[in-house]
């Protein structure tokens, strides 16, 4: 898929529908297999090999699977932080202590999320991360990420900026979601790398 990169939220909404439609056709086996391959590729990243704390997330639905990666990081002794959605769409954080430490949380009419069931560490806990793994729907050749539009991770990135924190930003996607150009707005910022089931790519603009 190639897109012209015109700015504006209407263009983003259109592209989100397109990418979500493609994901909706994936089977459970597709998602599971992609998640295993994604974990292997992500663990090859030097940034993750050096990381002591990684802020990640639990994939839901047809998102590229993250549980295999979370467990692999934890087995390496990495401290893994997972988000918990707050009423204002900001994110609190808690530690991942294995699949048994997750709780299924329904947020209104949205898709249920899997969140850490233990102690909440506060929204600023993410500033201690060496790497932040970001969800998304696409990334382009400049490293610009197309998110789902909820704004939660825009808040996370703004919080990192305010704190002077400089973690590596890595988006996890399917191979077909690395495209030529996505629409951008003034608050958008590039990521450092994308990992897909077939490999990783770094961006010089981040």
N, C-alpha and C. Protein backbone atom coordinates (compact mmCIF):
# COMPACT_ATOMS: atom_id res chain seq x y z
N UNK A 1 0.83 -1.18 0.00
CA UNK A 1 0.00 0.00 0.00
C UNK A 1 0.88 1.25 0.00
N UNK A 2 0.60 2.17 -0.90
CA UNK A 2 1.33 3.42 -0.91
C UNK A 2 0.34 4.55 -0.71
N UNK A 3 0.71 5.48 0.14
CA UNK A 3 -0.17 6.61 0.43
C UNK A 3 0.64 7.88 0.31
N UNK A 4 -0.08 8.98 0.06
CA UNK A 4 0.62 10.20 -0.34
C UNK A 4 1.08 11.07 0.81
N UNK A 5 0.71 10.72 2.05
CA UNK A 5 1.23 11.47 3.19
C UNK A 5 0.57 12.81 3.41
N UNK A 6 -0.59 13.07 2.81
CA UNK A 6 -1.29 14.32 3.09
C UNK A 6 -1.61 14.40 4.57
N UNK A 7 -1.50 15.59 5.10
CA UNK A 7 -1.75 15.74 6.53
C UNK A 7 -3.24 15.78 6.81
N UNK A 8 -3.59 15.50 8.07
CA UNK A 8 -4.97 15.67 8.49
C UNK A 8 -5.59 14.42 9.04
N UNK A 9 -6.45 14.63 10.06
CA UNK A 9 -7.10 13.51 10.72
C UNK A 9 -8.06 12.75 9.80
N UNK A 10 -8.80 13.40 8.86
CA UNK A 10 -9.66 12.61 7.97
C UNK A 10 -8.89 11.56 7.18
N UNK A 11 -7.70 11.91 6.70
CA UNK A 11 -6.88 10.94 5.97
C UNK A 11 -6.45 9.80 6.89
N UNK A 12 -6.13 10.14 8.12
CA UNK A 12 -5.74 9.10 9.08
C UNK A 12 -6.91 8.15 9.35
N UNK A 13 -8.10 8.70 9.50
CA UNK A 13 -9.26 7.84 9.75
C UNK A 13 -9.50 6.87 8.60
N UNK A 14 -9.36 7.37 7.38
CA UNK A 14 -9.55 6.51 6.21
C UNK A 14 -8.52 5.38 6.19
N UNK A 15 -7.27 5.72 6.45
CA UNK A 15 -6.22 4.70 6.44
C UNK A 15 -6.41 3.70 7.57
N UNK A 16 -6.84 4.19 8.74
CA UNK A 16 -7.08 3.26 9.84
C UNK A 16 -8.12 2.21 9.44
N UNK A 17 -9.18 2.64 8.80
CA UNK A 17 -10.20 1.69 8.36
C UNK A 17 -9.61 0.66 7.39
N UNK A 18 -8.75 1.11 6.48
CA UNK A 18 -8.15 0.20 5.50
C UNK A 18 -7.28 -0.84 6.19
N UNK A 19 -6.41 -0.40 7.07
CA UNK A 19 -5.50 -1.34 7.72
C UNK A 19 -6.25 -2.28 8.66
N UNK A 20 -7.24 -1.75 9.36
CA UNK A 20 -8.03 -2.61 10.26
C UNK A 20 -8.82 -3.65 9.47
N UNK A 21 -9.27 -3.29 8.27
CA UNK A 21 -10.00 -4.25 7.44
C UNK A 21 -9.09 -5.41 7.03
N UNK A 22 -7.86 -5.11 6.71
CA UNK A 22 -6.90 -6.17 6.36
C UNK A 22 -6.64 -7.06 7.57
N UNK A 23 -6.43 -6.46 8.71
CA UNK A 23 -6.19 -7.25 9.93
C UNK A 23 -7.38 -8.14 10.28
N UNK A 24 -8.58 -7.65 10.01
CA UNK A 24 -9.77 -8.41 10.38
C UNK A 24 -9.87 -9.74 9.63
N UNK A 25 -9.14 -9.87 8.54
CA UNK A 25 -9.19 -11.10 7.76
C UNK A 25 -8.17 -12.14 8.23
N UNK A 26 -7.34 -11.78 9.21
CA UNK A 26 -6.35 -12.72 9.74
C UNK A 26 -7.02 -13.76 10.64
N UNK A 27 -6.52 -14.98 10.57
CA UNK A 27 -7.02 -16.03 11.46
C UNK A 27 -6.26 -15.99 12.78
N UNK A 28 -6.77 -16.71 13.77
CA UNK A 28 -6.08 -16.80 15.06
C UNK A 28 -4.69 -17.41 14.87
N UNK A 29 -4.58 -18.39 13.98
CA UNK A 29 -3.28 -19.01 13.71
C UNK A 29 -2.31 -18.02 13.08
N UNK A 30 -2.82 -17.17 12.18
CA UNK A 30 -1.97 -16.13 11.57
C UNK A 30 -1.39 -15.23 12.66
N UNK A 31 -2.25 -14.81 13.58
CA UNK A 31 -1.82 -13.89 14.64
C UNK A 31 -0.80 -14.57 15.55
N UNK A 32 -1.05 -15.83 15.91
CA UNK A 32 -0.14 -16.55 16.80
C UNK A 32 1.21 -16.77 16.14
N UNK A 33 1.20 -17.20 14.90
CA UNK A 33 2.46 -17.44 14.19
C UNK A 33 3.24 -16.15 13.99
N UNK A 34 2.54 -15.08 13.65
CA UNK A 34 3.21 -13.79 13.48
C UNK A 34 3.83 -13.31 14.79
N UNK A 35 3.12 -13.55 15.90
CA UNK A 35 3.64 -13.14 17.20
C UNK A 35 4.92 -13.86 17.56
N UNK A 36 5.00 -15.14 17.24
CA UNK A 36 6.24 -15.89 17.52
C UNK A 36 7.40 -15.35 16.69
N UNK A 37 7.13 -15.11 15.39
CA UNK A 37 8.18 -14.58 14.53
C UNK A 37 8.59 -13.18 14.96
N UNK A 38 7.61 -12.38 15.37
CA UNK A 38 7.89 -11.02 15.82
C UNK A 38 8.80 -11.03 17.05
N UNK A 39 8.56 -11.96 17.97
CA UNK A 39 9.39 -12.05 19.16
C UNK A 39 10.84 -12.35 18.80
N UNK A 40 11.03 -13.29 17.88
CA UNK A 40 12.40 -13.65 17.46
C UNK A 40 13.10 -12.43 16.87
N UNK A 41 12.42 -11.72 15.99
CA UNK A 41 13.03 -10.55 15.34
C UNK A 41 13.30 -9.44 16.34
N UNK A 42 12.36 -9.19 17.23
CA UNK A 42 12.55 -8.11 18.19
C UNK A 42 13.71 -8.39 19.13
N UNK A 43 13.86 -9.65 19.53
CA UNK A 43 14.94 -9.99 20.45
C UNK A 43 16.32 -9.88 19.81
N UNK A 44 16.35 -9.78 18.49
CA UNK A 44 17.62 -9.57 17.79
C UNK A 44 18.06 -8.11 17.82
N UNK A 45 17.17 -7.22 18.20
CA UNK A 45 17.52 -5.79 18.26
C UNK A 45 18.51 -5.53 19.39
N UNK A 46 19.64 -4.91 19.11
CA UNK A 46 20.60 -4.58 20.18
C UNK A 46 19.96 -3.73 21.28
N UNK A 47 19.03 -2.85 20.91
CA UNK A 47 18.38 -2.00 21.91
C UNK A 47 17.67 -2.83 22.97
N UNK A 48 17.02 -3.91 22.54
CA UNK A 48 16.33 -4.77 23.50
C UNK A 48 17.31 -5.66 24.24
N UNK A 49 18.39 -6.02 23.61
CA UNK A 49 19.39 -6.85 24.28
C UNK A 49 20.03 -6.09 25.45
N UNK A 50 20.15 -4.78 25.31
CA UNK A 50 20.78 -3.96 26.36
C UNK A 50 19.78 -3.45 27.39
N UNK A 51 18.52 -3.51 27.08
CA UNK A 51 17.50 -2.86 27.91
C UNK A 51 17.35 -3.53 29.27
N UNK A 52 17.21 -2.72 30.29
CA UNK A 52 16.89 -3.22 31.63
C UNK A 52 15.40 -3.08 31.93
N UNK A 53 14.78 -2.03 31.36
CA UNK A 53 13.34 -1.80 31.52
C UNK A 53 12.73 -1.54 30.16
N UNK A 54 11.67 -2.27 29.85
CA UNK A 54 10.97 -2.10 28.57
C UNK A 54 9.49 -1.82 28.86
N UNK A 55 8.97 -0.74 28.31
CA UNK A 55 7.54 -0.47 28.36
C UNK A 55 6.92 -1.12 27.13
N UNK A 56 5.96 -2.00 27.34
CA UNK A 56 5.37 -2.76 26.25
C UNK A 56 3.86 -2.69 26.35
N UNK A 57 3.16 -3.65 25.77
CA UNK A 57 1.70 -3.71 25.84
C UNK A 57 1.27 -5.12 25.50
N UNK A 58 0.07 -5.47 25.88
CA UNK A 58 -0.49 -6.78 25.56
C UNK A 58 -1.37 -6.64 24.33
N UNK A 59 -1.03 -7.35 23.28
CA UNK A 59 -1.80 -7.27 22.05
C UNK A 59 -3.20 -7.81 22.26
N UNK A 60 -4.15 -7.27 21.51
CA UNK A 60 -5.54 -7.74 21.56
C UNK A 60 -6.04 -7.93 20.13
N UNK A 61 -7.00 -8.82 19.99
CA UNK A 61 -7.61 -9.04 18.69
C UNK A 61 -6.60 -9.46 17.65
N UNK A 62 -6.61 -8.76 16.52
CA UNK A 62 -5.73 -9.12 15.40
C UNK A 62 -4.43 -8.33 15.38
N UNK A 63 -4.12 -7.64 16.48
CA UNK A 63 -2.81 -6.97 16.56
C UNK A 63 -1.69 -8.00 16.50
N UNK A 64 -0.51 -7.65 15.97
CA UNK A 64 0.63 -8.56 16.04
C UNK A 64 0.84 -9.01 17.48
N UNK A 65 0.93 -10.30 17.70
CA UNK A 65 0.98 -10.84 19.06
C UNK A 65 2.22 -10.42 19.82
N UNK A 66 2.06 -10.05 21.08
CA UNK A 66 3.20 -9.62 21.89
C UNK A 66 3.51 -10.54 23.07
N UNK A 67 2.64 -11.49 23.41
CA UNK A 67 2.86 -12.27 24.63
C UNK A 67 4.16 -13.07 24.59
N UNK A 68 4.49 -13.64 23.43
CA UNK A 68 5.75 -14.39 23.34
C UNK A 68 6.94 -13.49 23.62
N UNK A 69 6.88 -12.27 23.13
CA UNK A 69 7.96 -11.31 23.36
C UNK A 69 8.02 -10.90 24.83
N UNK A 70 6.87 -10.65 25.44
CA UNK A 70 6.85 -10.26 26.85
C UNK A 70 7.48 -11.34 27.72
N UNK A 71 7.12 -12.60 27.46
CA UNK A 71 7.67 -13.69 28.26
C UNK A 71 9.16 -13.87 28.02
N UNK A 72 9.60 -13.68 26.78
CA UNK A 72 11.03 -13.81 26.48
C UNK A 72 11.83 -12.71 27.17
N UNK A 73 11.32 -11.50 27.16
CA UNK A 73 12.00 -10.40 27.84
C UNK A 73 12.09 -10.68 29.34
N UNK A 74 10.99 -11.12 29.91
CA UNK A 74 10.97 -11.38 31.35
C UNK A 74 11.95 -12.50 31.71
N UNK A 75 12.05 -13.52 30.85
CA UNK A 75 12.97 -14.62 31.13
C UNK A 75 14.42 -14.17 31.06
N UNK A 76 14.68 -13.06 30.39
CA UNK A 76 16.03 -12.48 30.32
C UNK A 76 16.33 -11.61 31.54
N UNK A 77 15.34 -11.43 32.40
CA UNK A 77 15.54 -10.57 33.56
C UNK A 77 15.20 -9.11 33.31
N UNK A 78 14.55 -8.84 32.18
CA UNK A 78 14.15 -7.46 31.87
C UNK A 78 12.89 -7.11 32.67
N UNK A 79 12.87 -5.91 33.19
CA UNK A 79 11.66 -5.40 33.86
C UNK A 79 10.71 -4.91 32.77
N UNK A 80 9.53 -5.51 32.70
CA UNK A 80 8.57 -5.17 31.65
C UNK A 80 7.40 -4.42 32.28
N UNK A 81 7.14 -3.23 31.76
CA UNK A 81 6.02 -2.41 32.21
C UNK A 81 4.89 -2.51 31.19
N UNK A 82 3.67 -2.64 31.69
CA UNK A 82 2.50 -2.71 30.83
C UNK A 82 1.50 -1.61 31.19
N UNK A 83 0.78 -1.10 30.20
CA UNK A 83 -0.12 0.02 30.46
C UNK A 83 -1.48 -0.41 31.00
N UNK A 84 -2.10 0.51 31.72
CA UNK A 84 -3.48 0.39 32.16
C UNK A 84 -4.17 1.69 31.76
N UNK A 85 -5.24 1.56 31.00
CA UNK A 85 -5.93 2.73 30.46
C UNK A 85 -6.69 3.47 31.56
N UNK A 86 -6.48 4.78 31.63
CA UNK A 86 -7.17 5.63 32.59
C UNK A 86 -8.41 6.25 31.94
N UNK A 87 -9.35 6.77 32.74
CA UNK A 87 -10.59 7.32 32.17
C UNK A 87 -10.37 8.43 31.15
N UNK A 88 -9.27 9.18 31.27
CA UNK A 88 -9.02 10.28 30.33
C UNK A 88 -8.16 9.85 29.14
N UNK A 89 -7.99 8.53 28.96
CA UNK A 89 -7.19 7.95 27.87
C UNK A 89 -5.69 8.03 28.10
N UNK A 90 -5.26 8.57 29.23
CA UNK A 90 -3.85 8.50 29.59
C UNK A 90 -3.55 7.06 30.05
N UNK A 91 -2.27 6.77 30.26
CA UNK A 91 -1.87 5.42 30.65
C UNK A 91 -1.15 5.41 31.98
N UNK A 92 -1.60 4.56 32.89
CA UNK A 92 -0.86 4.20 34.09
C UNK A 92 -0.02 2.98 33.72
N UNK A 93 0.85 2.51 34.62
CA UNK A 93 1.73 1.40 34.30
C UNK A 93 1.86 0.46 35.49
N UNK A 94 2.08 -0.82 35.19
CA UNK A 94 2.33 -1.82 36.21
C UNK A 94 3.32 -2.84 35.66
N UNK A 95 3.92 -3.63 36.54
CA UNK A 95 4.92 -4.62 36.10
C UNK A 95 4.25 -5.90 35.63
N UNK A 96 4.84 -6.49 34.59
CA UNK A 96 4.40 -7.78 34.09
C UNK A 96 5.12 -8.88 34.86
N UNK A 97 4.34 -9.78 35.44
CA UNK A 97 4.92 -10.88 36.22
C UNK A 97 4.46 -12.24 35.68
N UNK A 98 4.23 -12.30 34.37
CA UNK A 98 3.77 -13.53 33.75
C UNK A 98 2.29 -13.45 33.40
N UNK A 99 1.80 -14.40 32.59
CA UNK A 99 0.40 -14.36 32.14
C UNK A 99 -0.61 -14.29 33.28
N UNK A 100 -0.28 -14.88 34.43
CA UNK A 100 -1.19 -14.85 35.57
C UNK A 100 -1.32 -13.48 36.20
N UNK A 101 -0.47 -12.53 35.80
CA UNK A 101 -0.53 -11.18 36.38
C UNK A 101 -1.38 -10.24 35.54
N UNK A 102 -2.09 -10.77 34.55
CA UNK A 102 -2.91 -9.94 33.67
C UNK A 102 -4.38 -10.06 34.04
N UNK A 103 -5.09 -8.96 33.94
CA UNK A 103 -6.53 -8.94 34.17
C UNK A 103 -7.22 -8.41 32.92
N UNK A 104 -8.32 -9.05 32.55
CA UNK A 104 -9.10 -8.57 31.39
C UNK A 104 -10.02 -7.46 31.87
N UNK A 105 -9.86 -6.28 31.25
CA UNK A 105 -10.59 -5.09 31.70
C UNK A 105 -11.41 -4.56 30.53
N UNK A 106 -12.70 -4.39 30.78
CA UNK A 106 -13.60 -3.83 29.77
C UNK A 106 -13.74 -2.33 30.00
N UNK A 107 -13.39 -1.55 28.99
CA UNK A 107 -13.49 -0.09 29.09
C UNK A 107 -14.68 0.38 28.26
N UNK A 108 -15.83 0.48 28.88
CA UNK A 108 -17.03 0.93 28.17
C UNK A 108 -17.35 0.00 27.02
N UNK A 109 -17.65 0.58 25.87
CA UNK A 109 -18.01 -0.22 24.70
C UNK A 109 -16.82 -0.62 23.85
N UNK A 110 -15.61 -0.32 24.31
CA UNK A 110 -14.42 -0.66 23.52
C UNK A 110 -14.05 -2.12 23.68
N UNK A 111 -13.06 -2.52 22.90
CA UNK A 111 -12.52 -3.87 23.04
C UNK A 111 -11.87 -4.03 24.41
N UNK A 112 -12.07 -5.18 25.04
CA UNK A 112 -11.46 -5.42 26.34
C UNK A 112 -9.93 -5.45 26.21
N UNK A 113 -9.26 -4.94 27.22
CA UNK A 113 -7.80 -4.92 27.24
C UNK A 113 -7.29 -5.83 28.35
N UNK A 114 -6.06 -6.31 28.18
CA UNK A 114 -5.40 -7.08 29.23
C UNK A 114 -4.38 -6.16 29.90
N UNK A 115 -4.58 -5.93 31.19
CA UNK A 115 -3.79 -4.95 31.93
C UNK A 115 -3.14 -5.62 33.14
N UNK A 116 -2.04 -5.05 33.63
CA UNK A 116 -1.40 -5.62 34.82
C UNK A 116 -2.32 -5.53 36.03
N UNK A 117 -2.41 -6.61 36.78
CA UNK A 117 -3.34 -6.65 37.91
C UNK A 117 -2.70 -6.21 39.22
N UNK A 118 -1.39 -6.00 39.22
CA UNK A 118 -0.67 -5.64 40.44
C UNK A 118 -0.65 -4.15 40.70
N UNK A 119 0.33 -3.73 41.46
CA UNK A 119 0.47 -2.33 41.89
C UNK A 119 0.57 -1.38 40.71
N UNK A 120 -0.13 -0.27 40.79
CA UNK A 120 0.00 0.79 39.78
C UNK A 120 1.18 1.69 40.14
N UNK A 121 1.98 2.01 39.14
CA UNK A 121 3.21 2.75 39.36
C UNK A 121 3.10 4.22 38.96
N UNK A 122 1.98 4.60 38.35
CA UNK A 122 1.79 5.99 37.95
C UNK A 122 2.17 6.22 36.50
N UNK A 123 1.57 7.23 35.86
CA UNK A 123 1.85 7.52 34.46
C UNK A 123 3.32 7.84 34.16
N UNK A 124 4.05 8.37 35.16
CA UNK A 124 5.44 8.74 34.92
C UNK A 124 6.39 7.55 34.94
N UNK A 125 5.91 6.36 35.29
CA UNK A 125 6.79 5.19 35.35
C UNK A 125 7.43 4.89 34.00
N UNK A 126 6.75 5.26 32.91
CA UNK A 126 7.27 4.98 31.58
C UNK A 126 8.58 5.72 31.31
N UNK A 127 8.84 6.81 32.04
CA UNK A 127 10.05 7.58 31.79
C UNK A 127 11.31 6.83 32.19
N UNK A 128 11.16 5.71 32.91
CA UNK A 128 12.32 4.90 33.30
C UNK A 128 12.68 3.86 32.25
N UNK A 129 11.88 3.74 31.19
CA UNK A 129 12.09 2.69 30.20
C UNK A 129 13.28 3.00 29.29
N UNK A 130 14.03 1.97 28.96
CA UNK A 130 15.11 2.09 27.97
C UNK A 130 14.55 1.96 26.55
N UNK A 131 13.49 1.18 26.42
CA UNK A 131 12.81 0.97 25.14
C UNK A 131 11.32 1.05 25.39
N UNK A 132 10.59 1.73 24.50
CA UNK A 132 9.13 1.74 24.54
C UNK A 132 8.62 1.07 23.27
N UNK A 133 7.89 -0.02 23.45
CA UNK A 133 7.28 -0.72 22.32
C UNK A 133 5.90 -0.13 22.10
N UNK A 134 5.65 0.31 20.88
CA UNK A 134 4.42 1.03 20.57
C UNK A 134 3.51 0.20 19.66
N UNK A 135 2.21 0.20 19.93
CA UNK A 135 1.28 -0.37 18.96
C UNK A 135 1.09 0.61 17.82
N UNK A 136 0.51 0.16 16.75
CA UNK A 136 0.23 1.04 15.63
C UNK A 136 -0.48 0.28 14.53
N UNK A 137 -0.75 0.99 13.46
CA UNK A 137 -1.37 0.37 12.28
C UNK A 137 -0.48 0.45 11.06
N UNK A 138 0.49 1.37 11.06
CA UNK A 138 1.40 1.49 9.93
C UNK A 138 2.57 2.39 10.35
N UNK A 139 3.64 2.30 9.57
CA UNK A 139 4.77 3.22 9.71
C UNK A 139 5.31 3.48 8.31
N UNK A 140 5.84 4.68 8.11
CA UNK A 140 6.33 4.98 6.77
C UNK A 140 7.85 5.07 6.72
N UNK A 141 8.37 5.44 5.55
CA UNK A 141 9.81 5.43 5.33
C UNK A 141 10.55 6.45 6.18
N UNK A 142 9.81 7.41 6.74
CA UNK A 142 10.43 8.40 7.64
C UNK A 142 10.40 7.96 9.09
N UNK A 143 9.71 6.84 9.36
CA UNK A 143 9.52 6.41 10.74
C UNK A 143 8.30 7.01 11.39
N UNK A 144 7.42 7.64 10.61
CA UNK A 144 6.20 8.22 11.16
C UNK A 144 5.16 7.12 11.34
N UNK A 145 4.60 7.04 12.54
CA UNK A 145 3.69 5.97 12.93
C UNK A 145 2.24 6.42 12.81
N UNK A 146 1.40 5.53 12.28
CA UNK A 146 -0.04 5.75 12.29
C UNK A 146 -0.61 4.94 13.44
N UNK A 147 -1.14 5.63 14.47
CA UNK A 147 -1.73 4.94 15.60
C UNK A 147 -3.22 4.73 15.39
N UNK A 148 -3.88 4.24 16.43
CA UNK A 148 -5.31 3.96 16.33
C UNK A 148 -6.17 5.21 16.52
N UNK A 149 -5.59 6.28 17.01
CA UNK A 149 -6.33 7.52 17.12
C UNK A 149 -6.87 7.84 18.50
N UNK A 150 -6.59 7.00 19.49
CA UNK A 150 -7.08 7.27 20.84
C UNK A 150 -6.30 8.34 21.59
N UNK A 151 -5.08 8.58 21.16
CA UNK A 151 -4.26 9.63 21.77
C UNK A 151 -3.46 9.20 22.98
N UNK A 152 -3.61 7.95 23.44
CA UNK A 152 -2.91 7.52 24.65
C UNK A 152 -1.40 7.60 24.48
N UNK A 153 -0.92 7.13 23.34
CA UNK A 153 0.53 7.12 23.16
C UNK A 153 1.08 8.48 22.77
N UNK A 154 0.25 9.37 22.23
CA UNK A 154 0.68 10.76 22.06
C UNK A 154 0.99 11.35 23.43
N UNK A 155 0.17 11.01 24.42
CA UNK A 155 0.43 11.50 25.78
C UNK A 155 1.71 10.90 26.36
N UNK A 156 1.92 9.63 26.09
CA UNK A 156 3.14 8.98 26.57
C UNK A 156 4.37 9.66 25.97
N UNK A 157 4.36 9.90 24.66
CA UNK A 157 5.51 10.51 24.00
C UNK A 157 5.73 11.94 24.50
N UNK A 158 4.63 12.67 24.73
CA UNK A 158 4.78 14.02 25.28
C UNK A 158 5.36 13.98 26.69
N UNK A 159 4.95 12.99 27.48
CA UNK A 159 5.47 12.85 28.85
C UNK A 159 6.97 12.54 28.82
N UNK A 160 7.39 11.70 27.90
CA UNK A 160 8.81 11.39 27.77
C UNK A 160 9.60 12.64 27.42
N UNK A 161 9.06 13.44 26.50
CA UNK A 161 9.73 14.69 26.12
C UNK A 161 9.86 15.63 27.31
N UNK A 162 8.78 15.79 28.05
CA UNK A 162 8.82 16.72 29.20
C UNK A 162 9.83 16.28 30.24
N UNK A 163 10.00 14.96 30.39
CA UNK A 163 10.92 14.44 31.39
C UNK A 163 12.37 14.40 30.89
N UNK A 164 12.56 14.73 29.63
CA UNK A 164 13.91 14.62 29.05
C UNK A 164 14.35 13.18 28.87
N UNK A 165 13.39 12.25 28.87
CA UNK A 165 13.72 10.83 28.68
C UNK A 165 13.88 10.55 27.20
N UNK A 166 14.84 9.70 26.86
CA UNK A 166 15.12 9.40 25.46
C UNK A 166 15.18 7.89 25.22
N UNK A 167 14.10 7.16 25.52
CA UNK A 167 14.11 5.73 25.22
C UNK A 167 14.06 5.51 23.72
N UNK A 168 14.45 4.32 23.28
CA UNK A 168 14.28 3.95 21.89
C UNK A 168 12.81 3.62 21.67
N UNK A 169 12.25 4.12 20.62
CA UNK A 169 10.84 3.92 20.29
C UNK A 169 10.74 2.90 19.16
N UNK A 170 10.03 1.81 19.40
CA UNK A 170 9.96 0.71 18.43
C UNK A 170 8.49 0.34 18.24
N UNK A 171 8.02 0.35 16.99
CA UNK A 171 6.64 -0.01 16.70
C UNK A 171 6.61 -1.45 16.16
N UNK A 172 5.60 -2.20 16.57
CA UNK A 172 5.46 -3.61 16.19
C UNK A 172 4.31 -3.74 15.19
N UNK A 173 4.60 -4.24 13.98
CA UNK A 173 3.62 -4.27 12.91
C UNK A 173 3.73 -5.55 12.09
N UNK A 174 2.78 -5.73 11.18
CA UNK A 174 2.89 -6.76 10.15
C UNK A 174 3.70 -6.21 8.98
N UNK A 175 4.23 -7.11 8.16
CA UNK A 175 5.08 -6.69 7.04
C UNK A 175 4.38 -5.72 6.09
N UNK A 176 3.10 -5.95 5.82
CA UNK A 176 2.38 -5.12 4.85
C UNK A 176 2.06 -3.73 5.39
N UNK A 177 2.35 -3.48 6.65
CA UNK A 177 2.02 -2.19 7.26
C UNK A 177 3.19 -1.21 7.27
N UNK A 178 4.29 -1.60 6.64
CA UNK A 178 5.41 -0.68 6.41
C UNK A 178 5.20 -0.11 5.01
N UNK A 179 4.87 1.19 4.94
CA UNK A 179 4.41 1.79 3.69
C UNK A 179 5.28 3.00 3.33
N UNK A 180 5.00 3.56 2.16
CA UNK A 180 5.81 4.69 1.69
C UNK A 180 5.58 5.95 2.50
N UNK A 181 4.32 6.24 2.84
CA UNK A 181 4.01 7.50 3.49
C UNK A 181 2.68 7.41 4.22
N UNK A 182 2.62 7.95 5.43
CA UNK A 182 1.35 8.09 6.14
C UNK A 182 1.13 9.57 6.45
N UNK A 183 -0.13 9.98 6.65
CA UNK A 183 -0.40 11.39 6.99
C UNK A 183 0.21 11.73 8.35
N UNK A 184 0.65 12.96 8.50
CA UNK A 184 1.23 13.41 9.77
C UNK A 184 0.58 14.71 10.20
N UNK A 185 0.62 14.94 11.50
CA UNK A 185 0.18 16.19 12.09
C UNK A 185 1.33 16.76 12.91
N UNK A 186 1.25 18.04 13.29
CA UNK A 186 2.40 18.67 13.96
C UNK A 186 2.88 17.95 15.22
N UNK A 187 1.97 17.28 15.95
CA UNK A 187 2.40 16.64 17.20
C UNK A 187 3.03 15.27 16.97
N UNK A 188 2.95 14.73 15.78
CA UNK A 188 3.49 13.40 15.51
C UNK A 188 5.01 13.42 15.55
N UNK A 189 5.59 12.33 16.01
CA UNK A 189 7.06 12.23 16.02
C UNK A 189 7.46 10.85 15.55
N UNK A 190 8.64 10.73 14.93
CA UNK A 190 9.04 9.45 14.37
C UNK A 190 9.52 8.46 15.43
N UNK A 191 9.43 7.20 15.07
CA UNK A 191 9.99 6.14 15.91
C UNK A 191 11.39 5.81 15.41
N UNK A 192 12.14 5.09 16.23
CA UNK A 192 13.50 4.72 15.85
C UNK A 192 13.57 3.47 14.98
N UNK A 193 12.59 2.57 15.17
CA UNK A 193 12.65 1.31 14.44
C UNK A 193 11.26 0.68 14.36
N UNK A 194 11.09 -0.19 13.38
CA UNK A 194 9.90 -1.02 13.28
C UNK A 194 10.36 -2.47 13.26
N UNK A 195 9.61 -3.34 13.94
CA UNK A 195 9.86 -4.78 13.88
C UNK A 195 8.61 -5.43 13.31
N UNK A 196 8.82 -6.28 12.31
CA UNK A 196 7.75 -7.08 11.72
C UNK A 196 8.16 -8.55 11.80
N UNK A 197 7.27 -9.47 11.47
CA UNK A 197 7.64 -10.89 11.53
C UNK A 197 8.82 -11.26 10.63
N UNK A 198 9.14 -10.44 9.63
CA UNK A 198 10.25 -10.79 8.74
C UNK A 198 11.54 -10.05 9.04
N UNK A 199 11.52 -9.09 9.98
CA UNK A 199 12.76 -8.39 10.28
C UNK A 199 12.53 -7.04 10.92
N UNK A 200 13.64 -6.31 11.07
CA UNK A 200 13.60 -4.98 11.69
C UNK A 200 14.17 -3.95 10.74
N UNK A 201 13.70 -2.73 10.87
CA UNK A 201 14.21 -1.61 10.06
C UNK A 201 14.35 -0.40 10.95
N UNK A 202 15.48 0.28 10.82
CA UNK A 202 15.73 1.49 11.61
C UNK A 202 15.49 2.72 10.76
N UNK A 203 15.17 3.83 11.43
CA UNK A 203 14.91 5.09 10.74
C UNK A 203 15.89 6.14 11.24
N UNK A 204 16.48 6.87 10.32
CA UNK A 204 17.50 7.87 10.68
C UNK A 204 16.88 9.15 11.17
N UNK A 205 15.57 9.35 10.96
CA UNK A 205 14.97 10.65 11.28
C UNK A 205 14.57 10.79 12.74
N UNK A 206 14.51 9.69 13.48
CA UNK A 206 14.03 9.76 14.87
C UNK A 206 15.04 10.44 15.76
